[in-house]
Amino acid sequence: MKLIAKWLLSASALLAVAYLYSGVQVSGFGAALLAAFVIGLLNTIVRPVLVVLTLPVTLVTLGLFLFVINALMFWAAAGVMDGFKVNGFPSALLGSLIYSVFGVVIESALESLFANK
């Protein structure tokens, strides 16, 4: 149940990012659902590999390179599907930052909502 709630809220967050920032476009809620799924899939499978491969750069930049990796995942999701568009890397960087803030809020809310008491 928590996974479905997180998926729906992440899709809503993606729509909010598109509303707040013109560099990201989402054609509708269905596209947002699919984009949230693709972003989650890329973050689960590809992101850990990129983090390990770029560890020296990440250490030198004191972790700031992780923002670049997040932007690349966001941009890659837009590249593999229709209905979700990001206007270049700077838009992906800002869009992924906004999406990450929403993600932290969603995760915090879901943790308190589904807490085992």
N, C-alpha and C. Protein backbone atom coordinates (compact mmCIF):
# COMPACT_ATOMS: atom_id res chain seq x y z
N MET A 1 0.83 -1.19 0.00
CA MET A 1 0.00 0.00 0.00
C MET A 1 0.88 1.26 0.00
N LYS A 2 1.96 1.21 0.79
CA LYS A 2 2.86 2.36 0.87
C LYS A 2 3.52 2.63 -0.49
N LEU A 3 3.87 1.57 -1.20
CA LEU A 3 4.51 1.73 -2.51
C LEU A 3 3.57 2.39 -3.51
N ILE A 4 2.32 2.00 -3.51
CA ILE A 4 1.34 2.61 -4.41
C ILE A 4 1.11 4.07 -4.05
N ALA A 5 1.02 4.35 -2.77
CA ALA A 5 0.84 5.74 -2.32
C ALA A 5 2.04 6.59 -2.73
N LYS A 6 3.24 6.04 -2.56
CA LYS A 6 4.45 6.78 -2.94
C LYS A 6 4.48 7.03 -4.45
N TRP A 7 4.07 6.05 -5.23
CA TRP A 7 4.05 6.19 -6.68
C TRP A 7 3.06 7.27 -7.12
N LEU A 8 1.87 7.25 -6.54
CA LEU A 8 0.86 8.26 -6.88
C LEU A 8 1.31 9.66 -6.45
N LEU A 9 1.89 9.76 -5.27
CA LEU A 9 2.37 11.06 -4.79
C LEU A 9 3.58 11.54 -5.59
N SER A 10 4.42 10.63 -6.01
CA SER A 10 5.57 11.02 -6.84
C SER A 10 5.11 11.53 -8.20
N ALA A 11 4.08 10.90 -8.76
CA ALA A 11 3.53 11.38 -10.02
C ALA A 11 2.92 12.77 -9.84
N SER A 12 2.25 12.97 -8.71
CA SER A 12 1.69 14.29 -8.42
C SER A 12 2.80 15.31 -8.23
N ALA A 13 3.89 14.90 -7.61
CA ALA A 13 5.03 15.80 -7.44
C ALA A 13 5.64 16.17 -8.78
N LEU A 14 5.67 15.23 -9.69
CA LEU A 14 6.20 15.51 -11.03
C LEU A 14 5.31 16.51 -11.77
N LEU A 15 4.01 16.38 -11.60
CA LEU A 15 3.09 17.37 -12.17
C LEU A 15 3.31 18.74 -11.54
N ALA A 16 3.58 18.75 -10.24
CA ALA A 16 3.85 20.02 -9.54
C ALA A 16 5.14 20.66 -10.05
N VAL A 17 6.15 19.84 -10.30
CA VAL A 17 7.41 20.37 -10.85
C VAL A 17 7.15 21.00 -12.21
N ALA A 18 6.35 20.33 -13.04
CA ALA A 18 6.03 20.87 -14.37
C ALA A 18 5.23 22.16 -14.26
N TYR A 19 4.39 22.26 -13.25
CA TYR A 19 3.60 23.47 -13.04
C TYR A 19 4.48 24.63 -12.54
N LEU A 20 5.41 24.31 -11.64
CA LEU A 20 6.25 25.34 -11.03
C LEU A 20 7.40 25.80 -11.93
N TYR A 21 7.87 24.92 -12.80
CA TYR A 21 9.06 25.22 -13.59
C TYR A 21 8.79 24.90 -15.05
N SER A 22 8.97 25.87 -15.90
CA SER A 22 8.64 25.71 -17.32
C SER A 22 9.64 24.86 -18.09
N GLY A 23 10.77 24.53 -17.53
CA GLY A 23 11.75 23.70 -18.20
C GLY A 23 11.39 22.23 -18.23
N VAL A 24 10.34 21.86 -17.49
CA VAL A 24 9.88 20.47 -17.43
C VAL A 24 8.42 20.46 -17.86
N GLN A 25 8.08 19.59 -18.81
CA GLN A 25 6.70 19.47 -19.26
C GLN A 25 6.23 18.03 -19.10
N VAL A 26 5.00 17.89 -18.59
CA VAL A 26 4.35 16.59 -18.46
C VAL A 26 2.98 16.72 -19.10
N SER A 27 2.63 15.78 -19.99
CA SER A 27 1.40 15.92 -20.75
C SER A 27 0.14 15.59 -19.96
N GLY A 28 0.24 14.83 -18.90
CA GLY A 28 -0.94 14.49 -18.11
C GLY A 28 -0.57 13.57 -16.97
N PHE A 29 -1.60 13.17 -16.20
CA PHE A 29 -1.32 12.34 -15.03
C PHE A 29 -0.83 10.95 -15.42
N GLY A 30 -1.33 10.41 -16.52
CA GLY A 30 -0.84 9.10 -16.98
C GLY A 30 0.63 9.14 -17.33
N ALA A 31 1.03 10.19 -18.02
CA ALA A 31 2.44 10.36 -18.35
C ALA A 31 3.27 10.57 -17.09
N ALA A 32 2.70 11.28 -16.12
CA ALA A 32 3.41 11.50 -14.85
C ALA A 32 3.57 10.19 -14.09
N LEU A 33 2.56 9.32 -14.12
CA LEU A 33 2.67 8.01 -13.48
C LEU A 33 3.79 7.19 -14.12
N LEU A 34 3.80 7.17 -15.44
CA LEU A 34 4.84 6.42 -16.15
C LEU A 34 6.22 7.02 -15.91
N ALA A 35 6.31 8.35 -15.92
CA ALA A 35 7.59 9.01 -15.68
C ALA A 35 8.10 8.75 -14.27
N ALA A 36 7.20 8.78 -13.28
CA ALA A 36 7.61 8.50 -11.90
C ALA A 36 8.12 7.07 -11.79
N PHE A 37 7.47 6.15 -12.50
CA PHE A 37 7.93 4.76 -12.51
C PHE A 37 9.31 4.63 -13.14
N VAL A 38 9.51 5.29 -14.29
CA VAL A 38 10.80 5.22 -14.99
C VAL A 38 11.90 5.86 -14.15
N ILE A 39 11.61 7.00 -13.53
CA ILE A 39 12.60 7.65 -12.67
C ILE A 39 12.97 6.73 -11.50
N GLY A 40 11.96 6.12 -10.89
CA GLY A 40 12.22 5.18 -9.80
C GLY A 40 13.04 3.99 -10.24
N LEU A 41 12.73 3.47 -11.42
CA LEU A 41 13.47 2.33 -11.96
C LEU A 41 14.92 2.70 -12.25
N LEU A 42 15.13 3.85 -12.86
CA LEU A 42 16.51 4.31 -13.13
C LEU A 42 17.27 4.56 -11.83
N ASN A 43 16.60 5.14 -10.85
CA ASN A 43 17.26 5.39 -9.56
C ASN A 43 17.58 4.10 -8.82
N THR A 44 16.82 3.05 -9.07
CA THR A 44 17.06 1.77 -8.41
C THR A 44 18.17 0.97 -9.09
N ILE A 45 18.21 1.02 -10.43
CA ILE A 45 19.12 0.16 -11.17
C ILE A 45 20.39 0.88 -11.63
N VAL A 46 20.23 2.04 -12.28
CA VAL A 46 21.37 2.71 -12.92
C VAL A 46 22.13 3.61 -11.94
N ARG A 47 21.40 4.34 -11.09
CA ARG A 47 22.04 5.32 -10.21
C ARG A 47 23.12 4.71 -9.30
N PRO A 48 22.89 3.55 -8.66
CA PRO A 48 23.96 2.99 -7.82
C PRO A 48 25.24 2.69 -8.60
N VAL A 49 25.10 2.24 -9.83
CA VAL A 49 26.28 1.96 -10.66
C VAL A 49 27.02 3.26 -10.95
N LEU A 50 26.28 4.31 -11.31
CA LEU A 50 26.91 5.60 -11.58
C LEU A 50 27.58 6.18 -10.33
N VAL A 51 26.95 6.01 -9.19
CA VAL A 51 27.53 6.52 -7.94
C VAL A 51 28.87 5.84 -7.67
N VAL A 52 28.93 4.53 -7.86
CA VAL A 52 30.18 3.80 -7.62
C VAL A 52 31.25 4.20 -8.65
N LEU A 53 30.85 4.31 -9.91
CA LEU A 53 31.82 4.65 -10.97
C LEU A 53 32.36 6.07 -10.83
N THR A 54 31.58 6.97 -10.29
CA THR A 54 32.00 8.37 -10.16
C THR A 54 32.40 8.73 -8.73
N LEU A 55 32.69 7.72 -7.92
CA LEU A 55 33.06 7.98 -6.52
C LEU A 55 34.24 8.93 -6.36
N PRO A 56 35.30 8.82 -7.14
CA PRO A 56 36.40 9.78 -6.97
C PRO A 56 35.97 11.23 -7.23
N VAL A 57 35.18 11.43 -8.28
CA VAL A 57 34.70 12.78 -8.59
C VAL A 57 33.78 13.27 -7.48
N THR A 58 32.94 12.39 -6.98
CA THR A 58 32.01 12.76 -5.90
C THR A 58 32.78 13.15 -4.64
N LEU A 59 33.84 12.43 -4.34
CA LEU A 59 34.64 12.76 -3.16
C LEU A 59 35.35 14.10 -3.33
N VAL A 60 35.89 14.35 -4.51
CA VAL A 60 36.60 15.60 -4.77
C VAL A 60 35.64 16.80 -4.69
N THR A 61 34.42 16.60 -5.16
CA THR A 61 33.44 17.71 -5.13
C THR A 61 32.63 17.73 -3.84
N LEU A 62 33.04 16.94 -2.86
CA LEU A 62 32.38 16.87 -1.56
C LEU A 62 30.90 16.50 -1.67
N GLY A 63 30.60 15.61 -2.61
CA GLY A 63 29.25 15.10 -2.77
C GLY A 63 28.37 15.88 -3.72
N LEU A 64 28.83 17.02 -4.19
CA LEU A 64 28.00 17.83 -5.08
C LEU A 64 27.76 17.17 -6.44
N PHE A 65 28.62 16.25 -6.83
CA PHE A 65 28.43 15.57 -8.10
C PHE A 65 27.19 14.68 -8.08
N LEU A 66 26.69 14.33 -6.90
CA LEU A 66 25.46 13.55 -6.80
C LEU A 66 24.27 14.31 -7.39
N PHE A 67 24.31 15.64 -7.33
CA PHE A 67 23.26 16.44 -7.97
C PHE A 67 23.28 16.22 -9.49
N VAL A 68 24.47 16.10 -10.05
CA VAL A 68 24.62 15.85 -11.48
C VAL A 68 24.05 14.47 -11.83
N ILE A 69 24.33 13.49 -11.00
CA ILE A 69 23.81 12.15 -11.24
C ILE A 69 22.28 12.15 -11.18
N ASN A 70 21.71 12.84 -10.19
CA ASN A 70 20.25 12.94 -10.09
C ASN A 70 19.67 13.61 -11.33
N ALA A 71 20.32 14.66 -11.80
CA ALA A 71 19.85 15.35 -13.00
C ALA A 71 19.93 14.44 -14.22
N LEU A 72 20.99 13.64 -14.31
CA LEU A 72 21.11 12.71 -15.43
C LEU A 72 20.01 11.66 -15.42
N MET A 73 19.63 11.17 -14.24
CA MET A 73 18.54 10.20 -14.14
C MET A 73 17.21 10.84 -14.56
N PHE A 74 16.99 12.07 -14.14
CA PHE A 74 15.78 12.82 -14.48
C PHE A 74 15.71 13.05 -15.99
N TRP A 75 16.84 13.46 -16.56
CA TRP A 75 16.94 13.73 -17.99
C TRP A 75 16.80 12.45 -18.80
N ALA A 76 17.39 11.37 -18.32
CA ALA A 76 17.31 10.09 -19.02
C ALA A 76 15.87 9.59 -19.05
N ALA A 77 15.14 9.76 -17.96
CA ALA A 77 13.73 9.35 -17.93
C ALA A 77 12.94 10.10 -18.99
N ALA A 78 13.22 11.38 -19.14
CA ALA A 78 12.53 12.18 -20.16
C ALA A 78 12.94 11.74 -21.55
N GLY A 79 14.14 11.24 -21.70
CA GLY A 79 14.62 10.83 -23.00
C GLY A 79 14.04 9.52 -23.49
N VAL A 80 13.61 8.66 -22.60
CA VAL A 80 13.14 7.34 -23.00
C VAL A 80 11.63 7.25 -23.13
N MET A 81 10.91 8.33 -22.88
CA MET A 81 9.45 8.25 -22.95
C MET A 81 8.83 9.50 -23.54
N ASP A 82 7.65 9.33 -24.07
CA ASP A 82 6.87 10.46 -24.58
C ASP A 82 5.99 10.99 -23.46
N GLY A 83 5.62 12.24 -23.55
CA GLY A 83 4.75 12.84 -22.56
C GLY A 83 5.47 13.49 -21.40
N PHE A 84 6.77 13.30 -21.33
CA PHE A 84 7.60 13.90 -20.28
C PHE A 84 8.82 14.48 -20.98
N LYS A 85 8.98 15.79 -20.88
CA LYS A 85 10.05 16.47 -21.60
C LYS A 85 10.83 17.38 -20.66
N VAL A 86 12.14 17.38 -20.81
CA VAL A 86 13.03 18.25 -20.06
C VAL A 86 13.87 19.01 -21.08
N ASN A 87 13.91 20.31 -20.95
CA ASN A 87 14.59 21.18 -21.93
C ASN A 87 16.08 21.34 -21.62
N GLY A 88 16.85 20.27 -21.73
CA GLY A 88 18.30 20.36 -21.55
C GLY A 88 18.75 20.05 -20.13
N PHE A 89 20.07 19.99 -19.98
CA PHE A 89 20.65 19.61 -18.70
C PHE A 89 20.38 20.62 -17.58
N PRO A 90 20.49 21.93 -17.81
CA PRO A 90 20.18 22.86 -16.71
C PRO A 90 18.74 22.71 -16.20
N SER A 91 17.82 22.47 -17.11
CA SER A 91 16.43 22.23 -16.70
C SER A 91 16.31 20.93 -15.92
N ALA A 92 17.06 19.92 -16.33
CA ALA A 92 17.05 18.65 -15.61
C ALA A 92 17.61 18.82 -14.21
N LEU A 93 18.65 19.64 -14.08
CA LEU A 93 19.25 19.87 -12.76
C LEU A 93 18.26 20.55 -11.82
N LEU A 94 17.65 21.63 -12.28
CA LEU A 94 16.70 22.34 -11.44
C LEU A 94 15.44 21.51 -11.20
N GLY A 95 14.96 20.84 -12.24
CA GLY A 95 13.78 19.99 -12.09
C GLY A 95 14.01 18.86 -11.12
N SER A 96 15.19 18.25 -11.18
CA SER A 96 15.48 17.14 -10.25
C SER A 96 15.64 17.64 -8.82
N LEU A 97 16.15 18.85 -8.65
CA LEU A 97 16.25 19.41 -7.29
C LEU A 97 14.86 19.64 -6.70
N ILE A 98 13.97 20.22 -7.49
CA ILE A 98 12.61 20.45 -7.01
C ILE A 98 11.92 19.12 -6.73
N TYR A 99 12.07 18.16 -7.64
CA TYR A 99 11.47 16.84 -7.48
C TYR A 99 12.03 16.14 -6.23
N SER A 100 13.31 16.31 -5.96
CA SER A 100 13.92 15.71 -4.77
C SER A 100 13.36 16.30 -3.49
N VAL A 101 13.12 17.61 -3.49
CA VAL A 101 12.52 18.24 -2.30
C VAL A 101 11.13 17.66 -2.05
N PHE A 102 10.34 17.55 -3.13
CA PHE A 102 9.03 16.92 -2.99
C PHE A 102 9.17 15.48 -2.51
N GLY A 103 10.16 14.76 -3.01
CA GLY A 103 10.39 13.38 -2.60
C GLY A 103 10.70 13.23 -1.13
N VAL A 104 11.48 14.15 -0.59
CA VAL A 104 11.79 14.11 0.85
C VAL A 104 10.53 14.34 1.67
N VAL A 105 9.71 15.29 1.24
CA VAL A 105 8.45 15.57 1.94
C VAL A 105 7.52 14.36 1.86
N ILE A 106 7.42 13.76 0.69
CA ILE A 106 6.56 12.58 0.51
C ILE A 106 7.04 11.44 1.38
N GLU A 107 8.34 11.17 1.37
CA GLU A 107 8.88 10.08 2.17
C GLU A 107 8.65 10.30 3.66
N SER A 108 8.84 11.53 4.11
CA SER A 108 8.60 11.85 5.52
C SER A 108 7.14 11.66 5.90
N ALA A 109 6.24 12.12 5.03
CA ALA A 109 4.81 11.98 5.31
C ALA A 109 4.39 10.52 5.32
N LEU A 110 4.90 9.74 4.39
CA LEU A 110 4.54 8.34 4.34
C LEU A 110 5.10 7.56 5.52
N GLU A 111 6.30 7.92 5.95
CA GLU A 111 6.88 7.24 7.12
C GLU A 111 6.03 7.47 8.35
N SER A 112 5.56 8.68 8.54
CA SER A 112 4.72 8.96 9.71
C SER A 112 3.33 8.35 9.55
N LEU A 113 2.83 8.27 8.32
CA LEU A 113 1.50 7.71 8.08
C LEU A 113 1.49 6.19 8.23
N PHE A 114 2.54 5.53 7.74
CA PHE A 114 2.60 4.07 7.78
C PHE A 114 3.51 3.56 8.89
N ALA A 115 3.75 4.36 9.91
CA ALA A 115 4.62 3.94 11.01
C ALA A 115 3.97 2.79 11.78
N ASN A 116 4.77 1.80 12.09
CA ASN A 116 4.27 0.67 12.90
C ASN A 116 4.30 1.06 14.35
N LYS A 117 3.14 1.04 14.95
CA LYS A 117 3.05 1.44 16.36
C LYS A 117 2.81 0.28 17.25
